């Protein structure tokens, strides 16, 4: 989650940037008078690991969860797909809100775990790494800031379990930040690259099928043991997907390609279609390859 703080009148964001060992005063609990109010007006962007946790909680496929519990939006001018948590029909309240509190508390999204903190990631000019800093969000209805409880941001993140979410989502956040900060130097992603972004970021079940497919094996040179791990472990599969996205979007090659894979595909289609459609082999290969075409280049 990243938030812009400048130029916002009457913003609830306290502009002081904080580090992990800085301390702040806050505590939320069921007995507080404002309990549930923060969940009555939400705008929560979901991360890849959020979706994995929630779709598993509901016993759904990722695609079923996306259709039932999310709304889509464009994260930038290129149409990079994002997902937000759906609200109740005709309301701004979270779809998972109950009178007793959060109905999915142990699997709640990272943004919910951070509240009343915010995280901003920045990459300085000519720096290859991003720097994280934190800030306090003081909304007028929130009484948690008056509770006599002070702790470090490091301890609060650990207490809320958001440190685990951040570790898993780290490379995905890096992709978003690099894409935003690089702007036109990267260029507009192809439609197939955006389809891959959605698949690897949000549809973990579809991405598993993609990695398991014969076409994927024709392009990428993965050890059988590595591929077996990916099929069994959704967190490892997510992280592999982030590597693949960095390879496709930014040319950061960490997944070995099989030599001559694209040429062999074209030759196969040439042989199949030579009699009926001479000269169309490359076009047919591109159509059949779909995502593989952009992956193999």
C-alpha atoms as a PDB file:
ATOM      1  CA  UNK A   1       0.000   0.000   0.000  1.00  0.00           C
ATOM      2  CA  UNK A   2       1.364   3.396  -0.879  1.00  0.00           C
ATOM      3  CA  UNK A   3      -0.152   6.785  -0.074  1.00  0.00           C
ATOM      4  CA  UNK A   4       0.624  10.254  -1.365  1.00  0.00           C
ATOM      5  CA  UNK A   5       0.616  12.818   1.455  1.00  0.00           C
ATOM      6  CA  UNK A   6       1.345  16.169  -0.176  1.00  0.00           C
ATOM      7  CA  UNK A   7      -1.291  18.660  -1.234  1.00  0.00           C
ATOM      8  CA  UNK A   8      -4.226  16.971   0.541  1.00  0.00           C
ATOM      9  CA  UNK A   9      -6.234  19.459   2.623  1.00  0.00           C
ATOM     10  CA  UNK A  10      -7.516  18.214   5.988  1.00  0.00           C
ATOM     11  CA  UNK A  11      -5.692  14.947   5.486  1.00  0.00           C
ATOM     12  CA  UNK A  12      -5.800  12.448   8.365  1.00  0.00           C
ATOM     13  CA  UNK A  13      -2.189  11.546   7.569  1.00  0.00           C
ATOM     14  CA  UNK A  14       0.366  12.810  10.055  1.00  0.00           C
ATOM     15  CA  UNK A  15       3.204  13.912   7.738  1.00  0.00           C
ATOM     16  CA  UNK A  16       6.080  12.788   9.980  1.00  0.00           C
ATOM     17  CA  UNK A  17       7.967   9.874   8.433  1.00  0.00           C
ATOM     18  CA  UNK A  18       8.780   7.090  10.884  1.00  0.00           C
ATOM     19  CA  UNK A  19      11.166   4.147  10.917  1.00  0.00           C
ATOM     20  CA  UNK A  20      10.731   0.643  12.280  1.00  0.00           C
ATOM     21  CA  UNK A  21      12.102   1.527  15.709  1.00  0.00           C
ATOM     22  CA  UNK A  22      10.090   4.724  16.147  1.00  0.00           C
ATOM     23  CA  UNK A  23       7.233   4.523  18.617  1.00  0.00           C
ATOM     24  CA  UNK A  24       3.605   5.568  18.307  1.00  0.00           C
ATOM     25  CA  UNK A  25       0.512   5.484  20.499  1.00  0.00           C
ATOM     26  CA  UNK A  26      -2.408   3.352  19.320  1.00  0.00           C
ATOM     27  CA  UNK A  27      -4.544   0.394  20.306  1.00  0.00           C
ATOM     28  CA  UNK A  28      -7.727  -1.004  18.797  1.00  0.00           C
ATOM     29  CA  UNK A  29      -9.901  -3.478  20.696  1.00  0.00           C
ATOM     30  CA  UNK A  30     -13.476  -4.719  20.727  1.00  0.00           C
ATOM     31  CA  UNK A  31     -14.519  -2.610  23.707  1.00  0.00           C
ATOM     32  CA  UNK A  32     -13.554   0.737  22.193  1.00  0.00           C
ATOM     33  CA  UNK A  33     -16.470   3.066  21.316  1.00  0.00           C
ATOM     34  CA  UNK A  34     -15.427   3.479  17.663  1.00  0.00           C
ATOM     35  CA  UNK A  35     -15.163  -0.287  17.061  1.00  0.00           C
ATOM     36  CA  UNK A  36     -15.992  -1.192  13.424  1.00  0.00           C
ATOM     37  CA  UNK A  37     -16.230   2.434  12.232  1.00  0.00           C
ATOM     38  CA  UNK A  38     -13.046   2.191  10.171  1.00  0.00           C
ATOM     39  CA  UNK A  39     -14.582  -0.799   8.345  1.00  0.00           C
ATOM     40  CA  UNK A  40     -17.710   1.164   7.436  1.00  0.00           C
ATOM     41  CA  UNK A  41     -16.001   3.235   4.739  1.00  0.00           C
ATOM     42  CA  UNK A  42     -13.276   1.293   2.970  1.00  0.00           C
ATOM     43  CA  UNK A  43     -11.096   1.620  -0.112  1.00  0.00           C
ATOM     44  CA  UNK A  44      -8.800  -1.400   0.175  1.00  0.00           C
ATOM     45  CA  UNK A  45      -6.441  -2.415  -2.595  1.00  0.00           C
ATOM     46  CA  UNK A  46      -5.711  -6.139  -2.430  1.00  0.00           C
ATOM     47  CA  UNK A  47      -2.250  -7.645  -2.762  1.00  0.00           C
ATOM     48  CA  UNK A  48      -1.505 -11.086  -4.237  1.00  0.00           C
ATOM     49  CA  UNK A  49      -1.075 -12.723  -0.823  1.00  0.00           C
ATOM     50  CA  UNK A  50      -4.322 -11.141   0.407  1.00  0.00           C
ATOM     51  CA  UNK A  51      -6.175 -12.998  -2.325  1.00  0.00           C
ATOM     52  CA  UNK A  52      -4.466 -16.318  -1.599  1.00  0.00           C
ATOM     53  CA  UNK A  53      -5.389 -16.116   2.090  1.00  0.00           C
ATOM     54  CA  UNK A  54      -8.978 -15.055   1.489  1.00  0.00           C
ATOM     55  CA  UNK A  55      -9.806 -17.459  -1.340  1.00  0.00           C
ATOM     56  CA  UNK A  56      -8.476 -20.338   0.771  1.00  0.00           C
ATOM     57  CA  UNK A  57     -10.517 -19.200   3.758  1.00  0.00           C
ATOM     58  CA  UNK A  58     -13.689 -19.295   1.679  1.00  0.00           C
ATOM     59  CA  UNK A  59     -12.771 -22.563  -0.030  1.00  0.00           C
ATOM     60  CA  UNK A  60     -12.912 -20.890  -3.441  1.00  0.00           C
ATOM     61  CA  UNK A  61     -10.712 -20.816  -6.477  1.00  0.00           C
ATOM     62  CA  UNK A  62      -8.963 -17.497  -6.989  1.00  0.00           C
ATOM     63  CA  UNK A  63     -11.214 -16.747  -9.944  1.00  0.00           C
ATOM     64  CA  UNK A  64     -14.357 -17.421  -7.901  1.00  0.00           C
ATOM     65  CA  UNK A  65     -13.102 -15.154  -5.129  1.00  0.00           C
ATOM     66  CA  UNK A  66     -12.203 -12.379  -7.573  1.00  0.00           C
ATOM     67  CA  UNK A  67     -15.665 -12.502  -9.150  1.00  0.00           C
ATOM     68  CA  UNK A  68     -17.518 -12.523  -5.831  1.00  0.00           C
ATOM     69  CA  UNK A  69     -15.425 -10.282  -3.575  1.00  0.00           C
ATOM     70  CA  UNK A  70     -13.486  -7.771  -5.655  1.00  0.00           C
ATOM     71  CA  UNK A  71     -13.849  -4.887  -8.087  1.00  0.00           C
ATOM     72  CA  UNK A  72     -11.210  -4.070 -10.667  1.00  0.00           C
ATOM     73  CA  UNK A  73      -9.464  -0.754 -11.316  1.00  0.00           C
ATOM     74  CA  UNK A  74      -6.496   0.514 -13.307  1.00  0.00           C
ATOM     75  CA  UNK A  75      -3.397   1.164 -11.206  1.00  0.00           C
ATOM     76  CA  UNK A  76      -1.825   3.485 -13.774  1.00  0.00           C
ATOM     77  CA  UNK A  77      -2.289   5.129 -17.154  1.00  0.00           C
ATOM     78  CA  UNK A  78      -1.215   1.945 -18.931  1.00  0.00           C
ATOM     79  CA  UNK A  79      -4.116   0.005 -17.449  1.00  0.00           C
ATOM     80  CA  UNK A  80      -2.102  -2.199 -15.123  1.00  0.00           C
ATOM     81  CA  UNK A  81      -4.866  -4.211 -13.436  1.00  0.00           C
ATOM     82  CA  UNK A  82      -5.588  -3.834  -9.753  1.00  0.00           C
ATOM     83  CA  UNK A  83      -8.251  -5.281  -7.473  1.00  0.00           C
ATOM     84  CA  UNK A  84     -10.066  -3.710  -4.554  1.00  0.00           C
ATOM     85  CA  UNK A  85     -12.134  -5.421  -1.888  1.00  0.00           C
ATOM     86  CA  UNK A  86     -15.837  -5.185  -2.659  1.00  0.00           C
ATOM     87  CA  UNK A  87     -18.163  -3.276  -0.344  1.00  0.00           C
ATOM     88  CA  UNK A  88     -21.698  -4.232   0.631  1.00  0.00           C
ATOM     89  CA  UNK A  89     -24.368  -3.515  -1.961  1.00  0.00           C
ATOM     90  CA  UNK A  90     -25.335   0.169  -1.777  1.00  0.00           C
ATOM     91  CA  UNK A  91     -22.847   0.829   1.019  1.00  0.00           C
ATOM     92  CA  UNK A  92     -19.216   1.784   1.623  1.00  0.00           C
ATOM     93  CA  UNK A  93     -18.912  -0.865   4.356  1.00  0.00           C
ATOM     94  CA  UNK A  94     -16.598  -3.850   3.936  1.00  0.00           C
ATOM     95  CA  UNK A  95     -18.327  -6.928   2.595  1.00  0.00           C
ATOM     96  CA  UNK A  96     -16.753  -8.932   5.455  1.00  0.00           C
ATOM     97  CA  UNK A  97     -17.965  -6.671   8.259  1.00  0.00           C
ATOM     98  CA  UNK A  98     -20.172  -8.251  10.958  1.00  0.00           C
ATOM     99  CA  UNK A  99     -21.652  -6.785  14.160  1.00  0.00           C
ATOM    100  CA  UNK A 100     -18.945  -8.657  16.083  1.00  0.00           C
ATOM    101  CA  UNK A 101     -16.178  -7.195  13.935  1.00  0.00           C
ATOM    102  CA  UNK A 102     -14.181  -8.465  10.983  1.00  0.00           C
ATOM    103  CA  UNK A 103     -15.586 -11.757   9.707  1.00  0.00           C
ATOM    104  CA  UNK A 104     -12.207 -12.796   8.263  1.00  0.00           C
ATOM    105  CA  UNK A 105      -9.966 -11.350  10.959  1.00  0.00           C
ATOM    106  CA  UNK A 106      -7.221 -13.987  10.923  1.00  0.00           C
ATOM    107  CA  UNK A 107      -7.014 -13.672   7.122  1.00  0.00           C
ATOM    108  CA  UNK A 108      -7.706  -9.938   6.792  1.00  0.00           C
ATOM    109  CA  UNK A 109      -5.810  -8.013   4.077  1.00  0.00           C
ATOM    110  CA  UNK A 110      -2.477  -6.292   4.659  1.00  0.00           C
ATOM    111  CA  UNK A 111      -4.061  -2.817   4.470  1.00  0.00           C
ATOM    112  CA  UNK A 112      -6.375  -3.720   7.366  1.00  0.00           C
ATOM    113  CA  UNK A 113      -3.457  -5.075   9.382  1.00  0.00           C
ATOM    114  CA  UNK A 114      -1.535  -1.821   8.940  1.00  0.00           C
ATOM    115  CA  UNK A 115      -4.269   0.482  10.216  1.00  0.00           C
ATOM    116  CA  UNK A 116      -3.701   3.053  11.775  1.00  0.00           C
ATOM    117  CA  UNK A 117      -0.327   3.104  10.082  1.00  0.00           C
ATOM    118  CA  UNK A 118       0.469   3.711   6.451  1.00  0.00           C
ATOM    119  CA  UNK A 119       3.424   2.488   4.446  1.00  0.00           C
ATOM    120  CA  UNK A 120       5.100   4.438   1.667  1.00  0.00           C
ATOM    121  CA  UNK A 121       7.869   3.009  -0.506  1.00  0.00           C
ATOM    122  CA  UNK A 122      10.176   5.320  -2.426  1.00  0.00           C
ATOM    123  CA  UNK A 123      13.122   4.744  -4.721  1.00  0.00           C
ATOM    124  CA  UNK A 124      15.618   7.573  -4.871  1.00  0.00           C
ATOM    125  CA  UNK A 125      16.983   8.646  -8.219  1.00  0.00           C
ATOM    126  CA  UNK A 126      19.763   6.325  -9.426  1.00  0.00           C
ATOM    127  CA  UNK A 127      19.087   3.893  -6.573  1.00  0.00           C
ATOM    128  CA  UNK A 128      18.244   0.250  -7.375  1.00  0.00           C
ATOM    129  CA  UNK A 129      16.416  -0.329  -4.077  1.00  0.00           C
ATOM    130  CA  UNK A 130      13.325   1.146  -2.512  1.00  0.00           C
ATOM    131  CA  UNK A 131      13.171   2.591   0.993  1.00  0.00           C
ATOM    132  CA  UNK A 132      10.174   2.061   3.263  1.00  0.00           C
ATOM    133  CA  UNK A 133       8.892   4.592   5.734  1.00  0.00           C
ATOM    134  CA  UNK A 134       5.746   4.752   7.823  1.00  0.00           C
ATOM    135  CA  UNK A 135       3.265   7.376   8.945  1.00  0.00           C
ATOM    136  CA  UNK A 136       0.326   7.554  11.319  1.00  0.00           C
ATOM    137  CA  UNK A 137      -3.248   7.908  10.030  1.00  0.00           C
ATOM    138  CA  UNK A 138      -5.489   9.822  12.482  1.00  0.00           C
ATOM    139  CA  UNK A 139      -9.083   9.753  11.296  1.00  0.00           C
ATOM    140  CA  UNK A 140     -11.522  11.857  13.312  1.00  0.00           C
ATOM    141  CA  UNK A 141     -13.660   8.890  14.361  1.00  0.00           C
ATOM    142  CA  UNK A 142     -10.757   6.745  15.598  1.00  0.00           C
ATOM    143  CA  UNK A 143     -10.328   6.713  19.384  1.00  0.00           C
ATOM    144  CA  UNK A 144      -7.487   4.198  19.340  1.00  0.00           C
ATOM    145  CA  UNK A 145      -4.927   7.002  19.336  1.00  0.00           C
ATOM    146  CA  UNK A 146      -6.024   7.987  22.850  1.00  0.00           C
ATOM    147  CA  UNK A 147      -5.493   4.533  24.304  1.00  0.00           C
ATOM    148  CA  UNK A 148      -2.509   4.418  26.716  1.00  0.00           C
ATOM    149  CA  UNK A 149      -0.511   1.959  24.642  1.00  0.00           C
ATOM    150  CA  UNK A 150       2.818   2.831  23.012  1.00  0.00           C
ATOM    151  CA  UNK A 151       4.968   0.509  20.916  1.00  0.00           C
ATOM    152  CA  UNK A 152       7.449   0.522  18.072  1.00  0.00           C
ATOM    153  CA  UNK A 153       6.308   0.184  14.505  1.00  0.00           C
ATOM    154  CA  UNK A 154       8.393  -2.982  14.269  1.00  0.00           C
ATOM    155  CA  UNK A 155       6.498  -4.555  17.175  1.00  0.00           C
ATOM    156  CA  UNK A 156       3.130  -3.392  15.848  1.00  0.00           C
ATOM    157  CA  UNK A 157       3.791  -4.921  12.427  1.00  0.00           C
ATOM    158  CA  UNK A 158       4.797  -8.197  14.043  1.00  0.00           C
ATOM    159  CA  UNK A 159       1.751  -8.150  16.357  1.00  0.00           C
ATOM    160  CA  UNK A 160      -0.603  -7.606  13.389  1.00  0.00           C
ATOM    161  CA  UNK A 161       1.136 -10.221  11.222  1.00  0.00           C
ATOM    162  CA  UNK A 162       1.701  -7.714   8.449  1.00  0.00           C
ATOM    163  CA  UNK A 163       5.455  -8.386   8.427  1.00  0.00           C
ATOM    164  CA  UNK A 164       4.703 -11.821   6.910  1.00  0.00           C
ATOM    165  CA  UNK A 165       2.471 -10.272   4.246  1.00  0.00           C
ATOM    166  CA  UNK A 166       5.118  -7.681   3.399  1.00  0.00           C
ATOM    167  CA  UNK A 167       7.842 -10.304   3.016  1.00  0.00           C
ATOM    168  CA  UNK A 168       5.724 -12.338   0.585  1.00  0.00           C
ATOM    169  CA  UNK A 169       4.498  -9.317  -1.376  1.00  0.00           C
ATOM    170  CA  UNK A 170       7.860  -7.519  -1.406  1.00  0.00           C
ATOM    171  CA  UNK A 171       8.866  -8.258  -5.013  1.00  0.00           C
ATOM    172  CA  UNK A 172       5.354  -7.442  -6.258  1.00  0.00           C
ATOM    173  CA  UNK A 173       5.490  -4.062  -4.547  1.00  0.00           C
ATOM    174  CA  UNK A 174       8.887  -3.556  -6.157  1.00  0.00           C
ATOM    175  CA  UNK A 175       7.368  -4.224  -9.590  1.00  0.00           C
ATOM    176  CA  UNK A 176       4.626  -1.632  -8.997  1.00  0.00           C
ATOM    177  CA  UNK A 177       7.094   0.944  -7.699  1.00  0.00           C
ATOM    178  CA  UNK A 178       9.598   0.394 -10.518  1.00  0.00           C
ATOM    179  CA  UNK A 179       6.882   0.650 -13.140  1.00  0.00           C
ATOM    180  CA  UNK A 180       5.604   3.910 -11.658  1.00  0.00           C
ATOM    181  CA  UNK A 181       9.023   5.474 -11.113  1.00  0.00           C
ATOM    182  CA  UNK A 182      10.446   4.460 -14.503  1.00  0.00           C
ATOM    183  CA  UNK A 183       7.449   5.780 -16.434  1.00  0.00           C
ATOM    184  CA  UNK A 184       7.990   6.080 -20.202  1.00  0.00           C
ATOM    185  CA  UNK A 185      11.507   4.611 -20.021  1.00  0.00           C
ATOM    186  CA  UNK A 186       9.922   1.166 -19.706  1.00  0.00           C
ATOM    187  CA  UNK A 187       7.194   1.837 -22.232  1.00  0.00           C
ATOM    188  CA  UNK A 188       3.625   0.635 -22.398  1.00  0.00           C
ATOM    189  CA  UNK A 189       3.297  -3.075 -21.610  1.00  0.00           C
ATOM    190  CA  UNK A 190       1.761  -5.282 -24.281  1.00  0.00           C
ATOM    191  CA  UNK A 191      -1.745  -6.636 -23.794  1.00  0.00           C
ATOM    192  CA  UNK A 192      -0.267 -10.081 -23.185  1.00  0.00           C
ATOM    193  CA  UNK A 193       2.079  -8.707 -20.540  1.00  0.00           C
ATOM    194  CA  UNK A 194      -0.893  -7.182 -18.713  1.00  0.00           C
ATOM    195  CA  UNK A 195      -2.744 -10.503 -18.974  1.00  0.00           C
ATOM    196  CA  UNK A 196       0.265 -12.214 -17.437  1.00  0.00           C
ATOM    197  CA  UNK A 197       0.383  -9.550 -14.703  1.00  0.00           C
ATOM    198  CA  UNK A 198      -3.220 -10.330 -13.748  1.00  0.00           C
ATOM    199  CA  UNK A 199      -2.636 -14.081 -13.876  1.00  0.00           C
ATOM    200  CA  UNK A 200       0.553 -14.078 -11.785  1.00  0.00           C
ATOM    201  CA  UNK A 201      -0.671 -11.436  -9.326  1.00  0.00           C
ATOM    202  CA  UNK A 202      -4.236 -12.504  -8.644  1.00  0.00           C
ATOM    203  CA  UNK A 203      -5.312 -15.793 -10.230  1.00  0.00           C
ATOM    204  CA  UNK A 204      -2.956 -18.204  -8.477  1.00  0.00           C
ATOM    205  CA  UNK A 205      -4.928 -21.267  -9.621  1.00  0.00           C
ATOM    206  CA  UNK A 206      -4.860 -20.158 -13.240  1.00  0.00           C
ATOM    207  CA  UNK A 207      -1.161 -19.356 -12.933  1.00  0.00           C
ATOM    208  CA  UNK A 208      -0.492 -22.845 -11.557  1.00  0.00           C
ATOM    209  CA  UNK A 209      -2.163 -24.348 -14.631  1.00  0.00           C
ATOM    210  CA  UNK A 210      -0.112 -22.019 -16.814  1.00  0.00           C
ATOM    211  CA  UNK A 211       3.180 -23.141 -15.247  1.00  0.00           C
ATOM    212  CA  UNK A 212       2.099 -26.813 -15.417  1.00  0.00           C
ATOM    213  CA  UNK A 213       1.264 -26.631 -19.128  1.00  0.00           C
ATOM    214  CA  UNK A 214       3.379 -28.229 -21.892  1.00  0.00           C
ATOM    215  CA  UNK A 215       3.753 -24.835 -23.568  1.00  0.00           C
ATOM    216  CA  UNK A 216       5.476 -23.430 -20.478  1.00  0.00           C
ATOM    217  CA  UNK A 217       7.906 -26.345 -20.494  1.00  0.00           C
ATOM    218  CA  UNK A 218       8.771 -25.602 -24.109  1.00  0.00           C
ATOM    219  CA  UNK A 219       9.939 -22.108 -23.167  1.00  0.00           C
ATOM    220  CA  UNK A 220      11.419 -22.372 -19.655  1.00  0.00           C
ATOM    221  CA  UNK A 221      14.082 -24.700 -18.315  1.00  0.00           C
ATOM    222  CA  UNK A 222      12.975 -25.594 -14.783  1.00  0.00           C
ATOM    223  CA  UNK A 223      14.289 -28.503 -12.743  1.00  0.00           C
ATOM    224  CA  UNK A 224      11.528 -31.087 -12.094  1.00  0.00           C
ATOM    225  CA  UNK A 225      11.989 -30.767  -8.312  1.00  0.00           C
ATOM    226  CA  UNK A 226      11.591 -26.987  -8.540  1.00  0.00           C
ATOM    227  CA  UNK A 227       8.446 -27.296 -10.618  1.00  0.00           C
ATOM    228  CA  UNK A 228       6.996 -29.861  -8.189  1.00  0.00           C
ATOM    229  CA  UNK A 229       7.550 -27.403  -5.315  1.00  0.00           C
ATOM    230  CA  UNK A 230       5.759 -24.676  -7.221  1.00  0.00           C
ATOM    231  CA  UNK A 231       2.773 -26.932  -7.811  1.00  0.00           C
ATOM    232  CA  UNK A 232       2.528 -27.727  -4.080  1.00  0.00           C
ATOM    233  CA  UNK A 233       3.309 -24.387  -2.408  1.00  0.00           C
ATOM    234  CA  UNK A 234       1.223 -21.298  -3.246  1.00  0.00           C
ATOM    235  CA  UNK A 235       3.632 -18.856  -1.585  1.00  0.00           C
ATOM    236  CA  UNK A 236       6.564 -20.186  -3.624  1.00  0.00           C
ATOM    237  CA  UNK A 237       4.384 -20.065  -6.728  1.00  0.00           C
ATOM    238  CA  UNK A 238       3.503 -16.422  -6.014  1.00  0.00           C
ATOM    239  CA  UNK A 239       7.155 -15.476  -5.626  1.00  0.00           C
ATOM    240  CA  UNK A 240       8.015 -17.346  -8.822  1.00  0.00           C
ATOM    241  CA  UNK A 241       5.289 -15.363 -10.570  1.00  0.00           C
ATOM    242  CA  UNK A 242       6.868 -12.111  -9.411  1.00  0.00           C
ATOM    243  CA  UNK A 243      10.213 -13.243 -10.856  1.00  0.00           C
ATOM    244  CA  UNK A 244       8.495 -14.042 -14.116  1.00  0.00           C
ATOM    245  CA  UNK A 245       6.846 -10.621 -14.218  1.00  0.00           C
ATOM    246  CA  UNK A 246      10.175  -8.876 -13.649  1.00  0.00           C
ATOM    247  CA  UNK A 247      11.647 -10.942 -16.464  1.00  0.00           C
ATOM    248  CA  UNK A 248       8.846 -10.065 -18.887  1.00  0.00           C
ATOM    249  CA  UNK A 249       8.349  -6.408 -17.916  1.00  0.00           C
ATOM    250  CA  UNK A 250      11.916  -5.327 -17.184  1.00  0.00           C
ATOM    251  CA  UNK A 251      14.167  -7.931 -18.790  1.00  0.00           C
ATOM    252  CA  UNK A 252      15.522  -9.100 -15.409  1.00  0.00           C
ATOM    253  CA  UNK A 253      16.261 -12.666 -16.439  1.00  0.00           C
ATOM    254  CA  UNK A 254      16.354 -15.100 -13.504  1.00  0.00           C
ATOM    255  CA  UNK A 255      14.384 -17.992 -15.037  1.00  0.00           C
ATOM    256  CA  UNK A 256      16.399 -19.865 -17.678  1.00  0.00           C
ATOM    257  CA  UNK A 257      14.944 -20.212 -21.173  1.00  0.00           C
ATOM    258  CA  UNK A 258      15.349 -23.294 -23.292  1.00  0.00           C
ATOM    259  CA  UNK A 259      17.491 -22.453 -26.316  1.00  0.00           C
ATOM    260  CA  UNK A 260      15.631 -22.319 -29.621  1.00  0.00           C
ATOM    261  CA  UNK A 261      12.183 -22.712 -28.020  1.00  0.00           C
ATOM    262  CA  UNK A 262      10.468 -20.065 -30.104  1.00  0.00           C
ATOM    263  CA  UNK A 263      12.095 -21.205 -33.324  1.00  0.00           C
ATOM    264  CA  UNK A 264      10.957 -24.788 -32.723  1.00  0.00           C
ATOM    265  CA  UNK A 265       7.376 -23.634 -32.186  1.00  0.00           C
ATOM    266  CA  UNK A 266       7.397 -21.672 -35.424  1.00  0.00           C
ATOM    267  CA  UNK A 267       8.864 -24.614 -37.315  1.00  0.00           C
ATOM    268  CA  UNK A 268       6.188 -26.961 -35.976  1.00  0.00           C
ATOM    269  CA  UNK A 269       3.429 -24.659 -37.189  1.00  0.00           C
ATOM    270  CA  UNK A 270       5.219 -24.185 -40.473  1.00  0.00           C
ATOM    271  CA  UNK A 271       5.154 -27.936 -41.012  1.00  0.00           C
ATOM    272  CA  UNK A 272       1.491 -28.210 -40.028  1.00  0.00           C
ATOM    273  CA  UNK A 273       0.273 -25.325 -42.138  1.00  0.00           C
ATOM    274  CA  UNK A 274       2.676 -25.235 -45.054  1.00  0.00           C
ATOM    275  CA  UNK A 275       0.245 -26.861 -47.484  1.00  0.00           C
ATOM    276  CA  UNK A 276      -2.857 -24.859 -46.624  1.00  0.00           C
ATOM    277  CA  UNK A 277      -1.420 -21.516 -45.480  1.00  0.00           C
ATOM    278  CA  UNK A 278       2.080 -20.885 -46.852  1.00  0.00           C
ATOM    279  CA  UNK A 279       3.817 -17.924 -45.263  1.00  0.00           C
ATOM    280  CA  UNK A 280       1.486 -17.841 -42.251  1.00  0.00           C
ATOM    281  CA  UNK A 281       3.566 -19.933 -39.853  1.00  0.00           C
ATOM    282  CA  UNK A 282       4.848 -17.033 -37.755  1.00  0.00           C
ATOM    283  CA  UNK A 283       1.392 -15.489 -37.471  1.00  0.00           C
ATOM    284  CA  UNK A 284      -0.137 -18.787 -36.416  1.00  0.00           C
ATOM    285  CA  UNK A 285       2.631 -19.355 -33.896  1.00  0.00           C
ATOM    286  CA  UNK A 286       1.974 -15.971 -32.328  1.00  0.00           C
ATOM    287  CA  UNK A 287      -1.743 -16.628 -32.076  1.00  0.00           C
ATOM    288  CA  UNK A 288      -1.257 -20.080 -30.557  1.00  0.00           C
ATOM    289  CA  UNK A 289       1.505 -19.030 -28.186  1.00  0.00           C
ATOM    290  CA  UNK A 290      -0.577 -16.265 -26.569  1.00  0.00           C
ATOM    291  CA  UNK A 291       1.382 -15.453 -23.427  1.00  0.00           C
ATOM    292  CA  UNK A 292       4.288 -17.690 -24.402  1.00  0.00           C
ATOM    293  CA  UNK A 293       5.133 -15.462 -27.338  1.00  0.00           C
ATOM    294  CA  UNK A 294       5.935 -12.508 -25.104  1.00  0.00           C
ATOM    295  CA  UNK A 295       7.669 -14.729 -22.542  1.00  0.00           C
ATOM    296  CA  UNK A 296      10.064 -16.214 -25.052  1.00  0.00           C
ATOM    297  CA  UNK A 297      11.289 -12.982 -26.570  1.00  0.00           C
END
